[in-house]
N, C-alpha and C. Protein backbone atom coordinates (compact mmCIF):
# COMPACT_ATOMS: atom_id res chain seq x y z
N MET A 1 0.90 -1.33 0.07
CA MET A 1 0.13 0.19 -0.04
C MET A 1 0.69 1.53 -0.14
N ASN A 2 0.43 2.06 -1.09
CA ASN A 2 1.36 3.41 -0.95
C ASN A 2 0.49 4.57 -0.61
N GLY A 3 1.32 5.85 -0.35
CA GLY A 3 0.49 6.91 -0.21
C GLY A 3 -0.67 7.53 -1.02
N ALA A 4 -1.07 7.06 -2.46
CA ALA A 4 -1.77 7.28 -2.85
C ALA A 4 -3.09 6.23 -2.83
N TYR A 5 -2.56 5.00 -2.15
CA TYR A 5 -3.92 4.23 -2.14
C TYR A 5 -4.53 4.46 -0.45
N LEU A 6 -3.58 4.93 0.36
CA LEU A 6 -4.29 5.07 1.65
C LEU A 6 -5.18 6.63 1.13
N HIS A 7 -4.53 7.35 0.80
CA HIS A 7 -5.24 8.52 0.92
C HIS A 7 -6.40 8.29 -0.14
N LEU A 8 -6.54 7.58 -1.15
CA LEU A 8 -7.71 7.41 -1.87
C LEU A 8 -8.90 6.38 -1.29
N ALA A 9 -8.10 5.47 -0.24
CA ALA A 9 -9.05 4.70 0.47
C ALA A 9 -9.78 5.60 1.47
N ILE A 10 -9.22 6.50 1.94
CA ILE A 10 -10.12 7.71 2.94
C ILE A 10 -10.84 8.62 2.81
N ASN A 11 -9.93 9.33 1.59
CA ASN A 11 -10.78 10.66 1.02
C ASN A 11 -12.27 11.12 1.10
N HIS A 12 -13.22 10.04 1.14
CA HIS A 12 -14.32 9.68 0.56
C HIS A 12 -15.08 10.21 1.90
N ILE A 13 -14.31 9.78 3.38
CA ILE A 13 -15.63 9.87 4.29
C ILE A 13 -15.84 11.23 4.76
N PRO A 14 -14.98 12.12 4.87
CA PRO A 14 -15.53 13.46 5.15
C PRO A 14 -16.24 14.25 3.81
N VAL A 15 -16.08 13.70 2.99
CA VAL A 15 -17.08 14.02 1.60
C VAL A 15 -18.15 13.75 1.83
N VAL A 16 -18.87 12.43 2.06
CA VAL A 16 -19.77 12.00 2.69
C VAL A 16 -20.55 12.33 3.59
N ALA A 17 -19.56 12.06 4.72
CA ALA A 17 -19.83 12.46 6.35
C ALA A 17 -20.54 13.67 6.36
N MET A 18 -19.99 14.87 5.84
CA MET A 18 -20.21 16.06 6.28
C MET A 18 -21.65 16.41 5.32
N PRO A 19 -22.47 16.35 4.76
CA PRO A 19 -23.49 16.44 4.17
C PRO A 19 -24.72 15.84 5.13
N ILE A 20 -24.11 14.39 5.22
CA ILE A 20 -25.06 13.52 6.32
C ILE A 20 -25.03 14.18 7.85
N CYS A 21 -24.12 14.96 8.31
CA CYS A 21 -23.91 15.73 9.50
C CYS A 21 -25.19 16.74 9.46
N PHE A 22 -25.13 17.68 8.03
CA PHE A 22 -25.81 18.86 7.76
C PHE A 22 -27.51 18.21 7.93
N LEU A 23 -27.60 16.77 7.24
CA LEU A 23 -29.01 16.58 7.29
C LEU A 23 -29.42 16.34 8.62
N VAL A 24 -29.01 15.27 9.26
CA VAL A 24 -28.78 14.92 10.99
C VAL A 24 -29.59 16.19 11.71
N LEU A 25 -28.39 17.24 11.68
CA LEU A 25 -28.51 18.55 12.29
C LEU A 25 -29.76 19.46 11.96
N VAL A 26 -29.91 19.44 10.52
CA VAL A 26 -31.33 19.94 10.31
C VAL A 26 -32.79 19.13 10.98
N THR A 27 -32.57 17.62 10.81
CA THR A 27 -33.59 17.17 10.95
C THR A 27 -34.23 17.33 12.47
N GLY A 28 -32.52 17.14 13.17
CA GLY A 28 -32.80 17.74 14.49
C GLY A 28 -33.20 18.78 14.84
N ALA A 29 -33.16 19.61 14.34
CA ALA A 29 -33.67 21.50 14.34
C ALA A 29 -35.23 21.12 14.10
N LEU A 30 -35.38 20.64 12.90
CA LEU A 30 -36.75 20.49 13.00
C LEU A 30 -37.86 20.20 13.56
N ARG A 31 -37.12 18.69 14.23
CA ARG A 31 -38.06 17.92 15.35
C ARG A 31 -37.86 18.41 16.49
N LYS A 32 -37.18 19.42 16.41
CA LYS A 32 -36.48 19.74 18.23
C LYS A 32 -35.64 18.78 18.86
N SER A 33 -35.34 17.82 18.53
CA SER A 33 -34.83 16.53 19.10
C SER A 33 -33.48 17.00 19.33
N HIS A 34 -33.02 17.26 20.67
CA HIS A 34 -32.14 17.30 21.54
C HIS A 34 -30.84 16.07 21.35
N ASP A 35 -31.61 14.97 21.36
CA ASP A 35 -30.47 13.92 20.66
C ASP A 35 -29.89 13.77 19.27
N LEU A 36 -31.17 14.27 18.52
CA LEU A 36 -30.28 14.37 17.06
C LEU A 36 -29.34 15.84 16.87
N ILE A 37 -29.56 16.55 17.70
CA ILE A 37 -28.57 17.67 17.44
C ILE A 37 -27.41 17.37 18.37
N GLN A 38 -27.24 16.41 19.73
CA GLN A 38 -26.14 16.22 19.70
C GLN A 38 -25.55 14.99 19.04
N ALA A 39 -26.17 14.14 18.21
CA ALA A 39 -25.65 13.38 17.38
C ALA A 39 -24.87 14.00 16.40
N GLY A 40 -25.32 14.96 15.37
CA GLY A 40 -24.75 15.74 14.76
C GLY A 40 -23.59 16.31 15.08
N PHE A 41 -24.20 17.05 16.31
CA PHE A 41 -22.32 17.54 16.73
C PHE A 41 -21.12 16.69 16.94
N ALA A 42 -21.38 15.57 17.31
CA ALA A 42 -20.62 14.53 17.69
C ALA A 42 -19.98 13.90 16.53
N MET A 43 -21.24 14.00 15.32
CA MET A 43 -20.36 13.70 14.00
C MET A 43 -19.89 14.38 13.54
N LEU A 44 -19.90 15.60 13.87
CA LEU A 44 -19.20 16.87 12.96
C LEU A 44 -17.59 16.70 13.87
N VAL A 45 -17.74 17.15 14.84
CA VAL A 45 -16.16 16.65 15.78
C VAL A 45 -15.58 15.22 15.13
N LEU A 46 -16.31 13.79 14.59
CA LEU A 46 -15.48 12.94 14.36
C LEU A 46 -14.78 13.46 12.57
N THR A 47 -16.10 14.07 12.24
CA THR A 47 -15.30 14.56 10.64
C THR A 47 -14.35 15.30 10.67
N ALA A 48 -14.55 16.20 11.85
CA ALA A 48 -13.19 16.96 11.66
C ALA A 48 -11.91 16.19 11.88
N LEU A 49 -12.10 15.44 12.62
CA LEU A 49 -10.93 14.38 13.36
C LEU A 49 -10.38 13.75 11.86
N ILE A 50 -11.13 12.98 11.10
CA ILE A 50 -11.09 12.12 10.23
C ILE A 50 -10.39 13.05 9.10
N THR A 51 -10.71 13.84 8.94
CA THR A 51 -10.17 15.10 7.83
C THR A 51 -8.47 15.14 7.97
N ILE A 52 -8.09 15.18 9.21
CA ILE A 52 -6.91 15.64 9.29
C ILE A 52 -5.65 14.71 8.58
N PRO A 53 -5.93 12.99 8.96
CA PRO A 53 -5.49 12.10 7.93
C PRO A 53 -5.50 11.71 6.45
N VAL A 54 -7.04 12.61 6.12
CA VAL A 54 -7.13 12.60 4.58
C VAL A 54 -6.40 13.21 4.54
N TRP A 55 -6.20 14.79 4.87
CA TRP A 55 -5.55 15.74 3.97
C TRP A 55 -3.68 15.23 4.27
N LYS A 56 -3.55 14.93 5.54
CA LYS A 56 -1.98 14.48 5.85
C LYS A 56 -1.72 13.50 4.62
N THR A 57 -2.16 12.51 4.07
CA THR A 57 -2.05 11.46 3.20
C THR A 57 -2.08 12.19 1.69
N GLY A 58 -2.40 13.49 1.27
CA GLY A 58 -2.27 13.91 0.51
C GLY A 58 -0.96 13.77 -0.06
N GLY A 59 -0.47 14.75 0.31
CA GLY A 59 1.56 15.05 0.08
C GLY A 59 1.89 13.56 -0.50
N PRO A 60 1.84 12.54 0.50
CA PRO A 60 2.43 11.21 -0.05
C PRO A 60 1.83 10.60 -1.42
N ALA A 61 0.34 11.07 -1.61
CA ALA A 61 -0.57 10.58 -2.58
C ALA A 61 0.39 11.56 -3.60
N ALA A 62 0.73 12.96 -3.92
CA ALA A 62 0.93 13.51 -4.81
C ALA A 62 2.66 13.33 -5.03
N HIS A 63 3.20 12.35 -4.14
CA HIS A 63 4.98 12.13 -4.28
C HIS A 63 4.68 10.75 -4.96
N THR A 64 3.96 9.80 -4.78
CA THR A 64 3.59 8.52 -5.59
C THR A 64 3.42 9.04 -6.87
N LEU A 65 2.50 9.82 -7.25
CA LEU A 65 2.21 9.53 -8.55
C LEU A 65 3.06 10.17 -9.57
N PHE A 66 3.85 11.32 -8.85
CA PHE A 66 5.23 12.15 -9.49
C PHE A 66 5.93 11.15 -9.92
N ARG A 67 6.05 10.47 -9.25
CA ARG A 67 7.35 9.08 -9.20
C ARG A 67 7.04 8.17 -10.07
N TYR A 68 5.60 8.17 -10.63
CA TYR A 68 5.39 6.74 -11.36
C TYR A 68 5.25 7.05 -12.88
N PRO A 69 6.34 6.03 -13.37
CA PRO A 69 6.49 6.38 -14.44
C PRO A 69 5.04 6.51 -15.72
N GLY A 70 5.33 7.23 -16.58
CA GLY A 70 4.29 7.69 -17.28
C GLY A 70 3.00 8.47 -16.90
N ALA A 71 3.18 8.85 -15.93
CA ALA A 71 2.06 9.80 -14.98
C ALA A 71 2.15 10.91 -16.10
N THR A 72 0.87 11.62 -16.04
CA THR A 72 0.73 12.53 -17.42
C THR A 72 0.13 13.59 -16.31
N VAL A 73 -0.10 13.84 -15.25
CA VAL A 73 -1.60 14.76 -14.01
C VAL A 73 -0.26 16.05 -14.04
N GLU A 74 -0.90 17.07 -14.45
CA GLU A 74 -0.35 18.37 -14.58
C GLU A 74 -0.29 18.66 -12.93
N ARG A 75 1.10 19.17 -12.49
CA ARG A 75 1.46 19.79 -11.07
C ARG A 75 0.02 20.75 -10.81
N SER A 76 -0.28 21.72 -11.88
CA SER A 76 -1.22 22.54 -11.23
C SER A 76 -2.44 22.07 -10.87
N ALA A 77 -3.01 20.67 -10.92
CA ALA A 77 -4.22 20.20 -11.06
C ALA A 77 -4.14 19.52 -9.78
N ILE A 78 -2.80 19.19 -9.49
CA ILE A 78 -2.73 18.28 -7.37
C ILE A 78 -2.76 20.11 -6.90
N HIS A 79 -1.67 20.52 -7.18
CA HIS A 79 -1.51 21.96 -6.16
C HIS A 79 -3.21 22.68 -6.05
N GLU A 80 -3.68 22.83 -7.11
CA GLU A 80 -5.50 23.52 -7.21
C GLU A 80 -6.14 22.22 -6.18
N HIS A 81 -5.62 21.23 -6.32
CA HIS A 81 -6.54 20.18 -5.38
C HIS A 81 -6.42 20.29 -3.98
N ALA A 82 -5.38 20.47 -3.98
CA ALA A 82 -4.39 20.90 -2.34
C ALA A 82 -4.31 21.98 -1.30
N GLU A 83 -4.74 23.07 -2.59
CA GLU A 83 -5.13 24.48 -2.11
C GLU A 83 -6.60 24.22 -1.59
N ALA A 84 -7.69 23.60 -2.38
CA ALA A 84 -9.11 23.38 -2.23
C ALA A 84 -9.08 22.64 -0.64
N ALA A 85 -8.42 21.25 -0.64
CA ALA A 85 -7.94 20.86 0.62
C ALA A 85 -8.00 21.66 2.02
N GLU A 86 -6.86 22.27 1.58
CA GLU A 86 -6.54 22.99 2.81
C GLU A 86 -8.15 23.96 3.23
N TYR A 87 -8.38 24.03 2.38
CA TYR A 87 -9.60 25.41 3.34
C TYR A 87 -10.49 24.34 3.73
N GLY A 88 -10.79 23.00 3.12
CA GLY A 88 -11.78 22.15 3.50
C GLY A 88 -11.13 21.93 4.90
N LEU A 89 -9.80 21.60 5.10
CA LEU A 89 -9.46 21.05 6.26
C LEU A 89 -9.56 22.25 7.20
N VAL A 90 -8.99 23.20 7.17
CA VAL A 90 -9.44 24.78 8.26
C VAL A 90 -10.86 24.66 8.32
N GLY A 91 -11.79 24.74 7.37
CA GLY A 91 -13.61 24.97 7.30
C GLY A 91 -13.82 23.60 8.64
N SER A 92 -13.40 22.36 8.04
CA SER A 92 -13.83 21.32 9.14
C SER A 92 -13.20 21.34 10.17
N GLY A 93 -12.22 21.67 10.61
CA GLY A 93 -11.92 21.98 11.56
C GLY A 93 -12.29 23.11 12.74
N ILE A 94 -12.47 24.34 12.23
CA ILE A 94 -13.33 25.30 12.81
C ILE A 94 -14.49 24.96 13.23
N LEU A 95 -15.06 24.46 12.60
CA LEU A 95 -17.01 23.58 12.43
C LEU A 95 -16.72 22.60 13.49
N GLY A 96 -15.45 21.92 13.62
CA GLY A 96 -15.52 20.73 14.36
C GLY A 96 -15.35 21.12 15.91
N VAL A 97 -14.70 22.15 16.40
CA VAL A 97 -14.25 22.67 17.85
C VAL A 97 -15.54 23.94 17.89
N ILE A 98 -16.45 24.17 16.83
CA ILE A 98 -17.54 25.03 17.26
C ILE A 98 -18.65 23.55 17.68
N ALA A 99 -18.67 22.81 17.28
CA ALA A 99 -19.32 21.55 17.33
C ALA A 99 -19.36 20.78 18.93
N LEU A 100 -17.91 20.72 19.46
CA LEU A 100 -17.61 20.23 20.40
C LEU A 100 -17.87 21.40 21.17
N PHE A 101 -17.92 22.59 21.22
CA PHE A 101 -18.76 23.53 22.18
C PHE A 101 -20.03 23.07 22.18
N GLY A 102 -20.51 23.18 20.64
CA GLY A 102 -22.47 23.00 21.38
C GLY A 102 -22.61 21.70 21.96
N LEU A 103 -21.84 20.51 21.68
CA LEU A 103 -21.94 19.43 22.52
C LEU A 103 -21.82 19.69 23.96
N TRP A 104 -20.65 20.09 24.28
CA TRP A 104 -20.53 20.45 25.71
C TRP A 104 -21.82 21.55 26.22
N LEU A 105 -22.01 22.27 25.64
CA LEU A 105 -23.44 22.96 26.00
C LEU A 105 -24.63 22.43 25.79
N SER A 106 -24.77 21.53 25.29
CA SER A 106 -26.14 20.19 24.67
C SER A 106 -26.49 19.93 26.06
N ARG A 107 -25.39 19.59 26.86
CA ARG A 107 -25.47 18.73 28.20
C ARG A 107 -26.22 19.33 28.84
N ARG A 108 -26.65 20.56 29.24
CA ARG A 108 -27.72 21.13 29.85
C ARG A 108 -29.06 20.88 29.60
N PRO A 109 -29.96 21.00 30.56
CA PRO A 109 -31.45 20.59 30.09
C PRO A 109 -31.88 21.20 28.77
N GLU A 110 -32.00 22.59 28.71
CA GLU A 110 -32.40 23.39 27.61
C GLU A 110 -31.50 23.19 26.60
N GLY A 111 -30.31 22.92 26.31
CA GLY A 111 -29.48 22.15 25.22
C GLY A 111 -29.09 23.30 24.72
N ALA A 112 -28.55 23.05 23.44
CA ALA A 112 -27.65 23.83 22.89
C ALA A 112 -28.61 25.40 22.54
N PRO A 113 -28.28 26.60 22.36
CA PRO A 113 -28.42 27.52 22.01
C PRO A 113 -29.11 27.65 20.34
N THR A 114 -30.25 27.35 19.99
CA THR A 114 -30.83 27.38 19.15
C THR A 114 -29.87 28.58 17.83
N LEU A 115 -29.43 30.01 18.00
CA LEU A 115 -28.51 30.49 17.39
C LEU A 115 -27.06 29.57 16.71
N LEU A 116 -26.77 28.84 17.90
CA LEU A 116 -25.53 28.45 17.60
C LEU A 116 -25.84 27.39 16.67
N VAL A 117 -27.04 26.24 17.23
CA VAL A 117 -27.13 25.02 15.90
C VAL A 117 -27.62 25.87 14.82
N GLY A 118 -28.21 27.26 14.43
CA GLY A 118 -28.26 27.45 13.28
C GLY A 118 -27.17 27.63 12.42
N MET A 119 -26.15 28.10 13.47
CA MET A 119 -24.73 28.53 12.72
C MET A 119 -23.97 27.11 12.39
N VAL A 120 -23.84 26.58 12.81
CA VAL A 120 -23.41 25.13 12.84
C VAL A 120 -23.86 24.26 11.67
N ILE A 121 -25.45 24.61 11.50
CA ILE A 121 -26.28 24.05 10.04
C ILE A 121 -25.62 24.57 9.15
N LEU A 122 -25.62 25.87 9.22
CA LEU A 122 -25.17 26.86 8.14
C LEU A 122 -23.44 26.68 7.54
N GLY A 123 -22.75 26.33 8.32
CA GLY A 123 -21.59 25.73 8.39
C GLY A 123 -21.31 24.85 7.85
N SER A 124 -22.00 23.68 8.62
CA SER A 124 -21.91 22.26 7.78
C SER A 124 -22.11 22.36 6.48
N LEU A 125 -23.29 22.97 5.70
CA LEU A 125 -23.56 23.48 4.47
C LEU A 125 -22.68 23.87 3.75
N PHE A 126 -21.70 24.96 4.33
CA PHE A 126 -20.69 25.71 3.52
C PHE A 126 -19.61 24.67 3.29
N VAL A 127 -19.19 24.45 4.41
CA VAL A 127 -18.08 23.06 4.55
C VAL A 127 -18.60 21.94 3.18
N SER A 128 -19.27 21.67 3.49
CA SER A 128 -20.20 20.42 2.29
C SER A 128 -19.58 21.30 0.99
N THR A 129 -20.05 22.19 0.61
CA THR A 129 -19.87 22.73 -0.60
C THR A 129 -18.42 22.76 -1.25
N ILE A 130 -17.49 22.64 0.27
CA ILE A 130 -15.56 22.98 -0.15
C ILE A 130 -15.52 21.71 -0.34
N PHE A 131 -15.83 20.70 0.08
CA PHE A 131 -15.72 19.38 0.37
C PHE A 131 -15.87 18.78 -1.32
N ALA A 132 -17.14 18.92 -1.66
CA ALA A 132 -17.42 18.86 -2.91
C ALA A 132 -16.48 19.44 -3.99
N ARG A 133 -16.01 20.46 -3.90
CA ARG A 133 -15.51 21.17 -4.70
C ARG A 133 -13.93 20.16 -4.44
N VAL A 134 -13.52 19.90 -3.55
CA VAL A 134 -12.23 19.07 -3.52
C VAL A 134 -12.14 18.11 -4.14
N ALA A 135 -13.25 17.16 -3.85
CA ALA A 135 -13.73 15.79 -4.58
C ALA A 135 -13.75 15.64 -5.67
N HIS A 136 -14.22 16.94 -6.54
CA HIS A 136 -14.14 17.36 -7.86
C HIS A 136 -12.86 17.58 -8.63
N LEU A 137 -12.07 18.24 -7.79
CA LEU A 137 -10.83 18.60 -8.24
C LEU A 137 -9.74 17.24 -8.32
N GLY A 138 -10.02 16.50 -7.23
CA GLY A 138 -9.43 15.22 -6.69
C GLY A 138 -9.73 14.22 -7.70
N GLY A 139 -11.03 14.26 -8.19
CA GLY A 139 -11.97 13.21 -9.41
C GLY A 139 -10.83 13.48 -10.49
N GLU A 140 -10.25 14.85 -11.01
CA GLU A 140 -9.93 15.11 -12.34
C GLU A 140 -8.27 14.38 -12.50
N ILE A 141 -7.78 13.77 -10.94
CA ILE A 141 -6.21 13.54 -10.92
C ILE A 141 -6.71 11.86 -10.97
N ARG A 142 -6.20 11.07 -12.21
CA ARG A 142 -6.20 10.24 -12.22
C ARG A 142 -4.73 9.28 -11.61
N HIS A 143 -5.17 8.20 -11.20
CA HIS A 143 -3.74 7.64 -10.06
C HIS A 143 -3.65 5.87 -10.83
N PRO A 144 -2.96 5.83 -12.08
CA PRO A 144 -2.33 4.71 -12.36
C PRO A 144 -1.69 3.94 -11.37
N GLU A 145 -1.02 4.90 -10.80
CA GLU A 145 -0.29 3.58 -9.81
C GLU A 145 -0.66 2.73 -8.83
N ILE A 146 -1.97 2.85 -8.86
CA ILE A 146 -2.78 2.26 -7.91
C ILE A 146 -3.19 0.75 -8.61
N GLU A 147 -3.40 0.72 -9.73
CA GLU A 147 -4.22 -0.33 -10.47
C GLU A 147 -3.41 -1.48 -10.05
N SER A 148 -3.97 -2.20 -10.41
CA SER A 148 -3.43 -3.81 -10.11
C SER A 148 -2.22 -3.77 -11.55
N GLY A 149 -1.27 -4.76 -11.48
CA GLY A 149 -0.45 -5.07 -12.67
C GLY A 149 0.41 -3.59 -13.07
N ALA A 150 0.35 -2.60 -12.48
CA ALA A 150 1.16 -1.65 -12.48
C ALA A 150 2.89 -1.77 -12.12
N PRO A 151 3.45 -1.32 -12.86
CA PRO A 151 5.24 -1.57 -12.62
C PRO A 151 5.05 -0.46 -11.26
N PRO A 152 6.03 -1.20 -10.55
CA PRO A 152 6.62 -0.32 -9.31
C PRO A 152 7.44 0.48 -9.54
N ALA A 153 6.99 1.42 -9.01
CA ALA A 153 7.84 2.95 -9.25
C ALA A 153 9.13 2.51 -8.77
N SER A 154 9.76 1.85 -8.14
CA SER A 154 10.83 1.48 -7.45
C SER A 154 12.07 0.93 -8.89
N SER A 155 11.12 0.26 -9.88
CA SER A 155 11.95 -0.80 -10.69
C SER A 155 12.76 0.23 -11.93
N THR A 156 11.48 1.16 -12.06
CA THR A 156 11.83 2.10 -13.08
C THR A 156 12.38 3.90 -12.42
N MET A 157 12.64 3.91 -11.16
CA MET A 157 12.66 5.15 -11.14
C MET A 157 14.47 5.72 -11.62
N MET A 158 15.45 4.85 -11.09
CA MET A 158 16.13 5.58 -11.65
C MET A 158 16.85 5.37 -13.02
N MET A 159 15.82 5.49 -13.76
CA MET A 159 16.04 5.63 -15.19
C MET A 159 16.14 6.64 -15.97
N ALA A 160 16.94 6.97 -16.92
CA ALA A 160 17.02 8.02 -17.52
C ALA A 160 15.76 8.36 -17.73
N PRO A 161 15.41 10.00 -18.35
CA PRO A 161 14.48 10.14 -19.36
C PRO A 161 14.77 9.69 -20.71
N GLY A 162 13.13 8.98 -21.39
CA GLY A 162 13.41 8.21 -22.53
C GLY A 162 14.03 7.08 -22.41
N GLN A 163 14.82 6.38 -21.45
CA GLN A 163 15.63 5.07 -21.37
C GLN A 163 14.08 4.07 -21.01
N LYS A 164 14.38 2.82 -21.87
CA LYS A 164 13.82 1.95 -21.75
C LYS A 164 14.07 0.64 -20.72
N ALA A 165 12.95 0.24 -19.89
CA ALA A 165 13.22 -0.62 -19.00
C ALA A 165 13.76 -2.07 -19.71
N GLN A 166 14.95 -2.86 -19.21
CA GLN A 166 15.12 -3.86 -19.96
C GLN A 166 14.55 -5.09 -19.68
C-alpha cells in the first residue's frame, strides 16, 4: 500500500459525512430533537478529526504519483486540489471545534442555543460545498499507480528520461 492508495481509501469519508451531518442537524432542528442535535455535533467532531489524516495523506499521494513512470497529471491540478483541500481542512476544523462546544453546551437541560445550532447547520452546508469542490478537483486526477498490474515505481525510478526498461 502506498500513499496514493491510503489517500484514496479514506478521502471519501469527510466528503460523504459532512452532508450527512448537515442532514442530521437539520432534522434535529426541525423536530426539536435534543438527541439528534447532539448526534450531529458528535458526527461533526468525528468528521473534523478524520479530515486530518485525509489531508495528511495527500502529500504522499502526490509524491507517489509524480514518481510513477508515465504519469501525465499536471502539477497545477494537484496544487489546485491541495489548496482546496486546505480550505476544507480549516473549515472542517473550525466547525469541529464549534460543534465540540455545542456538544458541551447541549448537556444542559435546555440544550444548545438555537443560534449556535443554526450557525453549525449553515457551516456544515458551507463546508459540504468546499468538500464537493475538493472531491471534484481530486476526481480530475487519475491514479494509474494504484491499478493492479502497474509496474512498481522503484523499478523504473532510476532510469534516465527516454530510457527503456530491460
